Amino acid sequence: MIDTDSCRAMLAAVQAFHDKHDFKNTGGEELAYRVALMTEELGEISACVTKGKEAAALAEECADLLILLLGTAIAADFDLNTAFWDKMRQLDKRESRMIKGRIRVSDFRDM
């Protein structure tokens, strides 16, 4: 049984999808192409938010972006789980600021 709450299970499902369609040998893992696809999905997420679409439509577009992000980790051969937790530890050490009425957590180098 697949642990549907596991990052590893999601990565395995995306890897199986890549293998099924031979992404590695057919341009599907080309990083510039993947960035273009992620940009397209982010635009669709934006459209959901700005046009007031149902949460289900937003969820579907976010899932599309997540699948592309997971596939990018596969294509670029890095451990997304490790990268995520490393980044969360960095973020957890940062201070927050209110910028134009909204919370922001950053290293604030240029602000």
PDB file of N, CA and C in Angstrom:
ATOM      1  N   MET A   1       0.839  -1.188   0.000  1.00  0.00           N
ATOM      2  CA  MET A   1       0.000   0.000   0.000  1.00  0.00           C
ATOM      3  C   MET A   1       0.880   1.247   0.000  1.00  0.00           C
ATOM      4  N   ILE A   2       0.523   2.233  -0.803  1.00  0.00           N
ATOM      5  CA  ILE A   2       1.293   3.469  -0.930  1.00  0.00           C
ATOM      6  C   ILE A   2       0.936   4.415   0.209  1.00  0.00           C
ATOM      7  N   ASP A   3       1.966   4.962   0.858  1.00  0.00           N
ATOM      8  CA  ASP A   3       1.778   5.978   1.888  1.00  0.00           C
ATOM      9  C   ASP A   3       1.568   7.310   1.167  1.00  0.00           C
ATOM     10  N   THR A   4       0.311   7.722   1.044  1.00  0.00           N
ATOM     11  CA  THR A   4       0.005   8.924   0.264  1.00  0.00           C
ATOM     12  C   THR A   4       0.402  10.217   0.963  1.00  0.00           C
ATOM     13  N   ASP A   5       0.873  10.133   2.209  1.00  0.00           N
ATOM     14  CA  ASP A   5       1.359  11.317   2.910  1.00  0.00           C
ATOM     15  C   ASP A   5       2.872  11.448   2.842  1.00  0.00           C
ATOM     16  N   SER A   6       3.512  10.610   2.088  1.00  0.00           N
ATOM     17  CA  SER A   6       4.968  10.572   2.059  1.00  0.00           C
ATOM     18  C   SER A   6       5.538  11.285   0.835  1.00  0.00           C
ATOM     19  N   CYS A   7       6.521  12.125   1.069  1.00  0.00           N
ATOM     20  CA  CYS A   7       7.234  12.767  -0.035  1.00  0.00           C
ATOM     21  C   CYS A   7       7.895  11.702  -0.910  1.00  0.00           C
ATOM     22  N   ARG A   8       8.429  10.670  -0.295  1.00  0.00           N
ATOM     23  CA  ARG A   8       9.069   9.594  -1.066  1.00  0.00           C
ATOM     24  C   ARG A   8       8.077   8.908  -1.998  1.00  0.00           C
ATOM     25  N   ALA A   9       6.861   8.687  -1.509  1.00  0.00           N
ATOM     26  CA  ALA A   9       5.834   8.059  -2.340  1.00  0.00           C
ATOM     27  C   ALA A   9       5.462   8.956  -3.516  1.00  0.00           C
ATOM     28  N   MET A  10       5.374  10.253  -3.267  1.00  0.00           N
ATOM     29  CA  MET A  10       5.078  11.187  -4.362  1.00  0.00           C
ATOM     30  C   MET A  10       6.201  11.185  -5.383  1.00  0.00           C
ATOM     31  N   LEU A  11       7.448  11.215  -4.891  1.00  0.00           N
ATOM     32  CA  LEU A  11       8.594  11.163  -5.805  1.00  0.00           C
ATOM     33  C   LEU A  11       8.594   9.872  -6.617  1.00  0.00           C
ATOM     34  N   ALA A  12       8.284   8.762  -5.981  1.00  0.00           N
ATOM     35  CA  ALA A  12       8.246   7.484  -6.680  1.00  0.00           C
ATOM     36  C   ALA A  12       7.161   7.483  -7.758  1.00  0.00           C
ATOM     37  N   ALA A  13       6.008   8.069  -7.456  1.00  0.00           N
ATOM     38  CA  ALA A  13       4.930   8.138  -8.440  1.00  0.00           C
ATOM     39  C   ALA A  13       5.333   8.997  -9.635  1.00  0.00           C
ATOM     40  N   VAL A  14       5.985  10.116  -9.368  1.00  0.00           N
ATOM     41  CA  VAL A  14       6.439  10.988 -10.455  1.00  0.00           C
ATOM     42  C   VAL A  14       7.554  10.300 -11.249  1.00  0.00           C
ATOM     43  N   GLN A  15       8.461   9.604 -10.567  1.00  0.00           N
ATOM     44  CA  GLN A  15       9.512   8.862 -11.267  1.00  0.00           C
ATOM     45  C   GLN A  15       8.894   7.808 -12.193  1.00  0.00           C
ATOM     46  N   ALA A  16       7.889   7.096 -11.708  1.00  0.00           N
ATOM     47  CA  ALA A  16       7.209   6.090 -12.530  1.00  0.00           C
ATOM     48  C   ALA A  16       6.560   6.742 -13.755  1.00  0.00           C
ATOM     49  N   PHE A  17       5.979   7.926 -13.571  1.00  0.00           N
ATOM     50  CA  PHE A  17       5.379   8.666 -14.681  1.00  0.00           C
ATOM     51  C   PHE A  17       6.443   9.057 -15.698  1.00  0.00           C
ATOM     52  N   HIS A  18       7.584   9.544 -15.215  1.00  0.00           N
ATOM     53  CA  HIS A  18       8.695   9.903 -16.102  1.00  0.00           C
ATOM     54  C   HIS A  18       9.171   8.673 -16.873  1.00  0.00           C
ATOM     55  N   ASP A  19       9.314   7.563 -16.165  1.00  0.00           N
ATOM     56  CA  ASP A  19       9.772   6.328 -16.812  1.00  0.00           C
ATOM     57  C   ASP A  19       8.762   5.849 -17.854  1.00  0.00           C
ATOM     58  N   LYS A  20       7.492   5.891 -17.507  1.00  0.00           N
ATOM     59  CA  LYS A  20       6.432   5.428 -18.415  1.00  0.00           C
ATOM     60  C   LYS A  20       6.472   6.177 -19.742  1.00  0.00           C
ATOM     61  N   HIS A  21       6.751   7.484 -19.671  1.00  0.00           N
ATOM     62  CA  HIS A  21       6.746   8.321 -20.871  1.00  0.00           C
ATOM     63  C   HIS A  21       8.154   8.635 -21.384  1.00  0.00           C
ATOM     64  N   ASP A  22       9.158   7.981 -20.809  1.00  0.00           N
ATOM     65  CA  ASP A  22      10.556   8.132 -21.219  1.00  0.00           C
ATOM     66  C   ASP A  22      10.998   9.599 -21.273  1.00  0.00           C
ATOM     67  N   PHE A  23      10.644  10.343 -20.239  1.00  0.00           N
ATOM     68  CA  PHE A  23      10.996  11.761 -20.180  1.00  0.00           C
ATOM     69  C   PHE A  23      12.499  11.995 -20.338  1.00  0.00           C
ATOM     70  N   LYS A  24      13.298  11.119 -19.743  1.00  0.00           N
ATOM     71  CA  LYS A  24      14.746  11.313 -19.765  1.00  0.00           C
ATOM     72  C   LYS A  24      15.293  11.384 -21.198  1.00  0.00           C
ATOM     73  N   ASN A  25      14.720  10.599 -22.092  1.00  0.00           N
ATOM     74  CA  ASN A  25      15.246  10.506 -23.464  1.00  0.00           C
ATOM     75  C   ASN A  25      14.426  11.275 -24.492  1.00  0.00           C
ATOM     76  N   THR A  26      13.393  11.969 -24.052  1.00  0.00           N
ATOM     77  CA  THR A  26      12.527  12.662 -25.008  1.00  0.00           C
ATOM     78  C   THR A  26      12.354  14.148 -24.699  1.00  0.00           C
ATOM     79  N   GLY A  27      13.267  14.715 -23.913  1.00  0.00           N
ATOM     80  CA  GLY A  27      13.241  16.149 -23.624  1.00  0.00           C
ATOM     81  C   GLY A  27      12.391  16.549 -22.431  1.00  0.00           C
ATOM     82  N   GLY A  28      11.682  15.597 -21.832  1.00  0.00           N
ATOM     83  CA  GLY A  28      10.807  15.921 -20.710  1.00  0.00           C
ATOM     84  C   GLY A  28      11.540  16.297 -19.439  1.00  0.00           C
ATOM     85  N   GLU A  29      12.835  15.984 -19.365  1.00  0.00           N
ATOM     86  CA  GLU A  29      13.608  16.351 -18.178  1.00  0.00           C
ATOM     87  C   GLU A  29      14.562  17.511 -18.447  1.00  0.00           C
ATOM     88  N   GLU A  30      14.428  18.140 -19.608  1.00  0.00           N
ATOM     89  CA  GLU A  30      15.247  19.321 -19.908  1.00  0.00           C
ATOM     90  C   GLU A  30      14.815  20.446 -18.965  1.00  0.00           C
ATOM     91  N   LEU A  31      15.759  20.994 -18.230  1.00  0.00           N
ATOM     92  CA  LEU A  31      15.415  21.934 -17.155  1.00  0.00           C
ATOM     93  C   LEU A  31      14.759  23.219 -17.648  1.00  0.00           C
ATOM     94  N   ALA A  32      15.227  23.786 -18.753  1.00  0.00           N
ATOM     95  CA  ALA A  32      14.609  25.010 -19.261  1.00  0.00           C
ATOM     96  C   ALA A  32      13.149  24.762 -19.657  1.00  0.00           C
ATOM     97  N   TYR A  33      12.885  23.596 -20.221  1.00  0.00           N
ATOM     98  CA  TYR A  33      11.519  23.213 -20.570  1.00  0.00           C
ATOM     99  C   TYR A  33      10.657  23.080 -19.314  1.00  0.00           C
ATOM    100  N   ARG A  34      11.224  22.499 -18.282  1.00  0.00           N
ATOM    101  CA  ARG A  34      10.490  22.313 -17.034  1.00  0.00           C
ATOM    102  C   ARG A  34      10.172  23.667 -16.391  1.00  0.00           C
ATOM    103  N   VAL A  35      11.112  24.611 -16.470  1.00  0.00           N
ATOM    104  CA  VAL A  35      10.854  25.956 -15.934  1.00  0.00           C
ATOM    105  C   VAL A  35       9.686  26.591 -16.688  1.00  0.00           C
ATOM    106  N   ALA A  36       9.657  26.428 -17.998  1.00  0.00           N
ATOM    107  CA  ALA A  36       8.553  26.973 -18.792  1.00  0.00           C
ATOM    108  C   ALA A  36       7.225  26.347 -18.364  1.00  0.00           C
ATOM    109  N   LEU A  37       7.218  25.043 -18.143  1.00  0.00           N
ATOM    110  CA  LEU A  37       5.993  24.367 -17.704  1.00  0.00           C
ATOM    111  C   LEU A  37       5.563  24.847 -16.315  1.00  0.00           C
ATOM    112  N   MET A  38       6.529  25.035 -15.417  1.00  0.00           N
ATOM    113  CA  MET A  38       6.191  25.521 -14.076  1.00  0.00           C
ATOM    114  C   MET A  38       5.651  26.948 -14.134  1.00  0.00           C
ATOM    115  N   THR A  39       6.210  27.764 -15.026  1.00  0.00           N
ATOM    116  CA  THR A  39       5.726  29.130 -15.202  1.00  0.00           C
ATOM    117  C   THR A  39       4.278  29.114 -15.682  1.00  0.00           C
ATOM    118  N   GLU A  40       3.990  28.222 -16.612  1.00  0.00           N
ATOM    119  CA  GLU A  40       2.619  28.077 -17.118  1.00  0.00           C
ATOM    120  C   GLU A  40       1.660  27.684 -15.986  1.00  0.00           C
ATOM    121  N   GLU A  41       2.081  26.743 -15.162  1.00  0.00           N
ATOM    122  CA  GLU A  41       1.226  26.308 -14.049  1.00  0.00           C
ATOM    123  C   GLU A  41       1.036  27.422 -13.028  1.00  0.00           C
ATOM    124  N   LEU A  42       2.086  28.191 -12.765  1.00  0.00           N
ATOM    125  CA  LEU A  42       1.954  29.309 -11.836  1.00  0.00           C
ATOM    126  C   LEU A  42       0.962  30.336 -12.368  1.00  0.00           C
ATOM    127  N   GLY A  43       0.960  30.544 -13.672  1.00  0.00           N
ATOM    128  CA  GLY A  43      -0.033  31.429 -14.286  1.00  0.00           C
ATOM    129  C   GLY A  43      -1.445  30.903 -14.090  1.00  0.00           C
ATOM    130  N   GLU A  44      -1.607  29.576 -14.178  1.00  0.00           N
ATOM    131  CA  GLU A  44      -2.924  28.980 -13.967  1.00  0.00           C
ATOM    132  C   GLU A  44      -3.356  29.099 -12.503  1.00  0.00           C
ATOM    133  N   ILE A  45      -2.395  28.995 -11.589  1.00  0.00           N
ATOM    134  CA  ILE A  45      -2.695  29.215 -10.170  1.00  0.00           C
ATOM    135  C   ILE A  45      -3.146  30.663  -9.962  1.00  0.00           C
ATOM    136  N   SER A  46      -2.422  31.585 -10.567  1.00  0.00           N
ATOM    137  CA  SER A  46      -2.774  32.999 -10.467  1.00  0.00           C
ATOM    138  C   SER A  46      -4.183  33.257 -10.995  1.00  0.00           C
ATOM    139  N   ALA A  47      -4.511  32.627 -12.104  1.00  0.00           N
ATOM    140  CA  ALA A  47      -5.844  32.798 -12.678  1.00  0.00           C
ATOM    141  C   ALA A  47      -6.920  32.284 -11.723  1.00  0.00           C
ATOM    142  N   CYS A  48      -6.655  31.172 -11.068  1.00  0.00           N
ATOM    143  CA  CYS A  48      -7.618  30.641 -10.095  1.00  0.00           C
ATOM    144  C   CYS A  48      -7.870  31.646  -8.978  1.00  0.00           C
ATOM    145  N   VAL A  49      -6.804  32.245  -8.492  1.00  0.00           N
ATOM    146  CA  VAL A  49      -6.923  33.186  -7.366  1.00  0.00           C
ATOM    147  C   VAL A  49      -7.582  34.488  -7.817  1.00  0.00           C
ATOM    148  N   THR A  50      -7.097  35.054  -8.908  1.00  0.00           N
ATOM    149  CA  THR A  50      -7.598  36.366  -9.329  1.00  0.00           C
ATOM    150  C   THR A  50      -9.009  36.312  -9.898  1.00  0.00           C
ATOM    151  N   LYS A  51      -9.414  35.155 -10.400  1.00  0.00           N
ATOM    152  CA  LYS A  51     -10.765  35.016 -10.967  1.00  0.00           C
ATOM    153  C   LYS A  51     -11.747  34.379  -9.994  1.00  0.00           C
ATOM    154  N   GLY A  52     -11.270  34.131  -8.763  1.00  0.00           N
ATOM    155  CA  GLY A  52     -12.155  33.611  -7.730  1.00  0.00           C
ATOM    156  C   GLY A  52     -12.690  32.216  -8.003  1.00  0.00           C
ATOM    157  N   LYS A  53     -11.875  31.379  -8.638  1.00  0.00           N
ATOM    158  CA  LYS A  53     -12.327  30.017  -8.943  1.00  0.00           C
ATOM    159  C   LYS A  53     -12.437  29.181  -7.667  1.00  0.00           C
ATOM    160  N   GLU A  54     -13.154  28.085  -7.760  1.00  0.00           N
ATOM    161  CA  GLU A  54     -13.351  27.174  -6.638  1.00  0.00           C
ATOM    162  C   GLU A  54     -12.019  26.619  -6.126  1.00  0.00           C
ATOM    163  N   ALA A  55     -12.005  26.253  -4.857  1.00  0.00           N
ATOM    164  CA  ALA A  55     -10.803  25.691  -4.239  1.00  0.00           C
ATOM    165  C   ALA A  55     -10.343  24.432  -4.960  1.00  0.00           C
ATOM    166  N   ALA A  56     -11.258  23.651  -5.494  1.00  0.00           N
ATOM    167  CA  ALA A  56     -10.891  22.421  -6.207  1.00  0.00           C
ATOM    168  C   ALA A  56     -10.045  22.728  -7.445  1.00  0.00           C
ATOM    169  N   ALA A  57     -10.364  23.807  -8.147  1.00  0.00           N
ATOM    170  CA  ALA A  57      -9.573  24.196  -9.320  1.00  0.00           C
ATOM    171  C   ALA A  57      -8.179  24.642  -8.892  1.00  0.00           C
ATOM    172  N   LEU A  58      -8.109  25.408  -7.813  1.00  0.00           N
ATOM    173  CA  LEU A  58      -6.815  25.843  -7.282  1.00  0.00           C
ATOM    174  C   LEU A  58      -5.998  24.638  -6.835  1.00  0.00           C
ATOM    175  N   ALA A  59      -6.633  23.694  -6.159  1.00  0.00           N
ATOM    176  CA  ALA A  59      -5.936  22.491  -5.694  1.00  0.00           C
ATOM    177  C   ALA A  59      -5.355  21.716  -6.866  1.00  0.00           C
ATOM    178  N   GLU A  60      -6.123  21.585  -7.944  1.00  0.00           N
ATOM    179  CA  GLU A  60      -5.633  20.854  -9.116  1.00  0.00           C
ATOM    180  C   GLU A  60      -4.409  21.528  -9.726  1.00  0.00           C
ATOM    181  N   GLU A  61      -4.445  22.852  -9.831  1.00  0.00           N
ATOM    182  CA  GLU A  61      -3.300  23.575 -10.406  1.00  0.00           C
ATOM    183  C   GLU A  61      -2.084  23.501  -9.479  1.00  0.00           C
ATOM    184  N   CYS A  62      -2.305  23.568  -8.169  1.00  0.00           N
ATOM    185  CA  CYS A  62      -1.193  23.422  -7.222  1.00  0.00           C
ATOM    186  C   CYS A  62      -0.596  22.023  -7.313  1.00  0.00           C
ATOM    187  N   ALA A  63      -1.438  21.015  -7.488  1.00  0.00           N
ATOM    188  CA  ALA A  63      -0.943  19.640  -7.655  1.00  0.00           C
ATOM    189  C   ALA A  63      -0.108  19.532  -8.927  1.00  0.00           C
ATOM    190  N   ASP A  64      -0.550  20.176 -10.011  1.00  0.00           N
ATOM    191  CA  ASP A  64       0.236  20.170 -11.249  1.00  0.00           C
ATOM    192  C   ASP A  64       1.621  20.760 -11.004  1.00  0.00           C
ATOM    193  N   LEU A  65       1.668  21.883 -10.284  1.00  0.00           N
ATOM    194  CA  LEU A  65       2.953  22.520 -10.000  1.00  0.00           C
ATOM    195  C   LEU A  65       3.819  21.636  -9.112  1.00  0.00           C
ATOM    196  N   LEU A  66       3.220  21.017  -8.109  1.00  0.00           N
ATOM    197  CA  LEU A  66       3.975  20.119  -7.231  1.00  0.00           C
ATOM    198  C   LEU A  66       4.564  18.945  -8.016  1.00  0.00           C
ATOM    199  N   ILE A  67       3.787  18.372  -8.914  1.00  0.00           N
ATOM    200  CA  ILE A  67       4.273  17.270  -9.744  1.00  0.00           C
ATOM    201  C   ILE A  67       5.459  17.735 -10.583  1.00  0.00           C
ATOM    202  N   LEU A  68       5.364  18.933 -11.143  1.00  0.00           N
ATOM    203  CA  LEU A  68       6.489  19.465 -11.922  1.00  0.00           C
ATOM    204  C   LEU A  68       7.707  19.727 -11.044  1.00  0.00           C
ATOM    205  N   LEU A  69       7.503  20.237  -9.831  1.00  0.00           N
ATOM    206  CA  LEU A  69       8.627  20.462  -8.914  1.00  0.00           C
ATOM    207  C   LEU A  69       9.304  19.145  -8.542  1.00  0.00           C
ATOM    208  N   LEU A  70       8.502  18.143  -8.228  1.00  0.00           N
ATOM    209  CA  LEU A  70       9.061  16.829  -7.906  1.00  0.00           C
ATOM    210  C   LEU A  70       9.827  16.277  -9.106  1.00  0.00           C
ATOM    211  N   GLY A  71       9.271  16.419 -10.285  1.00  0.00           N
ATOM    212  CA  GLY A  71       9.947  15.954 -11.498  1.00  0.00           C
ATOM    213  C   GLY A  71      11.220  16.718 -11.778  1.00  0.00           C
ATOM    214  N   THR A  72      11.260  17.980 -11.419  1.00  0.00           N
ATOM    215  CA  THR A  72      12.480  18.764 -11.601  1.00  0.00           C
ATOM    216  C   THR A  72      13.582  18.263 -10.682  1.00  0.00           C
ATOM    217  N   ALA A  73      13.221  17.885  -9.472  1.00  0.00           N
ATOM    218  CA  ALA A  73      14.216  17.288  -8.563  1.00  0.00           C
ATOM    219  C   ALA A  73      14.765  15.997  -9.158  1.00  0.00           C
ATOM    220  N   ILE A  74      13.905  15.211  -9.771  1.00  0.00           N
ATOM    221  CA  ILE A  74      14.343  13.980 -10.432  1.00  0.00           C
ATOM    222  C   ILE A  74      15.255  14.313 -11.602  1.00  0.00           C
ATOM    223  N   ALA A  75      14.823  15.249 -12.451  1.00  0.00           N
ATOM    224  CA  ALA A  75      15.589  15.609 -13.644  1.00  0.00           C
ATOM    225  C   ALA A  75      16.952  16.199 -13.301  1.00  0.00           C
ATOM    226  N   ALA A  76      17.002  17.009 -12.247  1.00  0.00           N
ATOM    227  CA  ALA A  76      18.257  17.665 -11.853  1.00  0.00           C
ATOM    228  C   ALA A  76      19.068  16.816 -10.881  1.00  0.00           C
ATOM    229  N   ASP A  77      18.513  15.681 -10.473  1.00  0.00           N
ATOM    230  CA  ASP A  77      19.193  14.718  -9.612  1.00  0.00           C
ATOM    231  C   ASP A  77      19.608  15.315  -8.265  1.00  0.00           C
ATOM    232  N   PHE A  78      18.628  15.914  -7.574  1.00  0.00           N
ATOM    233  CA  PHE A  78      18.889  16.349  -6.206  1.00  0.00           C
ATOM    234  C   PHE A  78      17.809  15.804  -5.284  1.00  0.00           C
ATOM    235  N   ASP A  79      18.134  15.734  -4.010  1.00  0.00           N
ATOM    236  CA  ASP A  79      17.218  15.202  -2.998  1.00  0.00           C
ATOM    237  C   ASP A  79      16.330  16.330  -2.495  1.00  0.00           C
ATOM    238  N   LEU A  80      15.115  16.378  -2.993  1.00  0.00           N
ATOM    239  CA  LEU A  80      14.196  17.455  -2.635  1.00  0.00           C
ATOM    240  C   LEU A  80      13.816  17.408  -1.161  1.00  0.00           C
ATOM    241  N   ASN A  81      13.695  16.235  -0.602  1.00  0.00           N
ATOM    242  CA  ASN A  81      13.366  16.098   0.814  1.00  0.00           C
ATOM    243  C   ASN A  81      14.437  16.764   1.677  1.00  0.00           C
ATOM    244  N   THR A  82      15.695  16.467   1.396  1.00  0.00           N
ATOM    245  CA  THR A  82      16.800  17.084   2.136  1.00  0.00           C
ATOM    246  C   THR A  82      16.833  18.588   1.905  1.00  0.00           C
ATOM    247  N   ALA A  83      16.666  19.011   0.656  1.00  0.00           N
ATOM    248  CA  ALA A  83      16.673  20.442   0.341  1.00  0.00           C
ATOM    249  C   ALA A  83      15.556  21.174   1.085  1.00  0.00           C
ATOM    250  N   PHE A  84      14.375  20.547   1.145  1.00  0.00           N
ATOM    251  CA  PHE A  84      13.244  21.143   1.850  1.00  0.00           C
ATOM    252  C   PHE A  84      13.567  21.355   3.327  1.00  0.00           C
ATOM    253  N   TRP A  85      14.049  20.295   3.984  1.00  0.00           N
ATOM    254  CA  TRP A  85      14.296  20.406   5.431  1.00  0.00           C
ATOM    255  C   TRP A  85      15.474  21.322   5.737  1.00  0.00           C
ATOM    256  N   ASP A  86      16.485  21.340   4.876  1.00  0.00           N
ATOM    257  CA  ASP A  86      17.589  22.294   5.046  1.00  0.00           C
ATOM    258  C   ASP A  86      17.061  23.727   4.974  1.00  0.00           C
ATOM    259  N   LYS A  87      16.203  23.988   3.997  1.00  0.00           N
ATOM    260  CA  LYS A  87      15.648  25.332   3.828  1.00  0.00           C
ATOM    261  C   LYS A  87      14.723  25.698   4.988  1.00  0.00           C
ATOM    262  N   MET A  88      13.917  24.750   5.453  1.00  0.00           N
ATOM    263  CA  MET A  88      13.039  25.039   6.588  1.00  0.00           C
ATOM    264  C   MET A  88      13.847  25.408   7.835  1.00  0.00           C
ATOM    265  N   ARG A  89      14.979  24.726   8.048  1.00  0.00           N
ATOM    266  CA  ARG A  89      15.836  25.078   9.195  1.00  0.00           C
ATOM    267  C   ARG A  89      16.372  26.501   9.041  1.00  0.00           C
ATOM    268  N   GLN A  90      16.751  26.885   7.823  1.00  0.00           N
ATOM    269  CA  GLN A  90      17.216  28.257   7.581  1.00  0.00           C
ATOM    270  C   GLN A  90      16.098  29.260   7.842  1.00  0.00           C
ATOM    271  N   LEU A  91      14.918  28.986   7.292  1.00  0.00           N
ATOM    272  CA  LEU A  91      13.787  29.902   7.456  1.00  0.00           C
ATOM    273  C   LEU A  91      13.394  30.054   8.916  1.00  0.00           C
ATOM    274  N   ASP A  92      13.476  28.966   9.659  1.00  0.00           N
ATOM    275  CA  ASP A  92      13.080  28.986  11.057  1.00  0.00           C
ATOM    276  C   ASP A  92      13.954  29.919  11.889  1.00  0.00           C
ATOM    277  N   LYS A  93      15.157  30.179  11.429  1.00  0.00           N
ATOM    278  CA  LYS A  93      16.084  31.061  12.156  1.00  0.00           C
ATOM    279  C   LYS A  93      15.895  32.531  11.791  1.00  0.00           C
ATOM    280  N   ARG A  94      15.122  32.802  10.756  1.00  0.00           N
ATOM    281  CA  ARG A  94      14.968  34.178  10.283  1.00  0.00           C
ATOM    282  C   ARG A  94      13.891  34.920  11.054  1.00  0.00           C
ATOM    283  N   GLU A  95      14.073  36.214  11.095  1.00  0.00           N
ATOM    284  CA  GLU A  95      13.084  37.098  11.693  1.00  0.00           C
ATOM    285  C   GLU A  95      12.038  37.462  10.642  1.00  0.00           C
ATOM    286  N   SER A  96      10.902  37.910  11.113  1.00  0.00           N
ATOM    287  CA  SER A  96       9.868  38.379  10.192  1.00  0.00           C
ATOM    288  C   SER A  96       9.733  39.892  10.321  1.00  0.00           C
ATOM    289  N   ARG A  97       9.200  40.476   9.255  1.00  0.00           N
ATOM    290  CA  ARG A  97       8.922  41.909   9.243  1.00  0.00           C
ATOM    291  C   ARG A  97       7.584  42.125   8.548  1.00  0.00           C
ATOM    292  N   MET A  98       6.965  43.214   8.905  1.00  0.00           N
ATOM    293  CA  MET A  98       5.776  43.653   8.189  1.00  0.00           C
ATOM    294  C   MET A  98       6.255  44.584   7.082  1.00  0.00           C
ATOM    295  N   ILE A  99       5.906  44.237   5.855  1.00  0.00           N
ATOM    296  CA  ILE A  99       6.279  45.050   4.700  1.00  0.00           C
ATOM    297  C   ILE A  99       4.986  45.390   3.956  1.00  0.00           C
ATOM    298  N   LYS A 100       4.661  46.665   3.914  1.00  0.00           N
ATOM    299  CA  LYS A 100       3.435  47.133   3.263  1.00  0.00           C
ATOM    300  C   LYS A 100       2.209  46.371   3.772  1.00  0.00           C
ATOM    301  N   GLY A 101       2.167  46.167   5.074  1.00  0.00           N
ATOM    302  CA  GLY A 101       1.005  45.570   5.702  1.00  0.00           C
ATOM    303  C   GLY A 101       0.921  44.051   5.648  1.00  0.00           C
ATOM    304  N   ARG A 102       2.000  43.402   5.168  1.00  0.00           N
ATOM    305  CA  ARG A 102       1.994  41.940   5.079  1.00  0.00           C
ATOM    306  C   ARG A 102       3.269  41.379   5.699  1.00  0.00           C
ATOM    307  N   ILE A 103       3.120  40.212   6.311  1.00  0.00           N
ATOM    308  CA  ILE A 103       4.269  39.560   6.952  1.00  0.00           C
ATOM    309  C   ILE A 103       5.236  39.048   5.898  1.00  0.00           C
ATOM    310  N   ARG A 104       6.517  39.172   6.187  1.00  0.00           N
ATOM    311  CA  ARG A 104       7.556  38.683   5.279  1.00  0.00           C
ATOM    312  C   ARG A 104       8.659  38.076   6.126  1.00  0.00           C
ATOM    313  N   VAL A 105       9.103  36.889   5.760  1.00  0.00           N
ATOM    314  CA  VAL A 105      10.225  36.229   6.408  1.00  0.00           C
ATOM    315  C   VAL A 105      11.307  36.087   5.356  1.00  0.00           C
ATOM    316  N   SER A 106      12.435  36.747   5.597  1.00  0.00           N
ATOM    317  CA  SER A 106      13.513  36.775   4.610  1.00  0.00           C
ATOM    318  C   SER A 106      14.830  37.026   5.337  1.00  0.00           C
ATOM    319  N   ASP A 107      15.918  36.956   4.584  1.00  0.00           N
ATOM    320  CA  ASP A 107      17.185  37.348   5.193  1.00  0.00           C
ATOM    321  C   ASP A 107      17.395  38.853   5.098  1.00  0.00           C
ATOM    322  N   PHE A 108      16.534  39.552   4.365  1.00  0.00           N
ATOM    323  CA  PHE A 108      16.490  41.023   4.280  1.00  0.00           C
ATOM    324  C   PHE A 108      17.835  41.650   3.932  1.00  0.00           C
ATOM    325  N   ARG A 109      18.569  41.051   3.024  1.00  0.00           N
ATOM    326  CA  ARG A 109      19.849  41.624   2.602  1.00  0.00           C
ATOM    327  C   ARG A 109      19.691  42.964   1.895  1.00  0.00           C
ATOM    328  N   ASP A 110      18.676  43.068   1.042  1.00  0.00           N
ATOM    329  CA  ASP A 110      18.516  44.270   0.233  1.00  0.00           C
ATOM    330  C   ASP A 110      17.386  45.178   0.728  1.00  0.00           C
ATOM    331  N   MET A 111      16.865  44.878   1.904  1.00  0.00           N
ATOM    332  CA  MET A 111      15.716  45.674   2.382  1.00  0.00           C
ATOM    333  C   MET A 111      16.103  46.486   3.586  1.00  0.00           C
TER     334      MET A 111
END
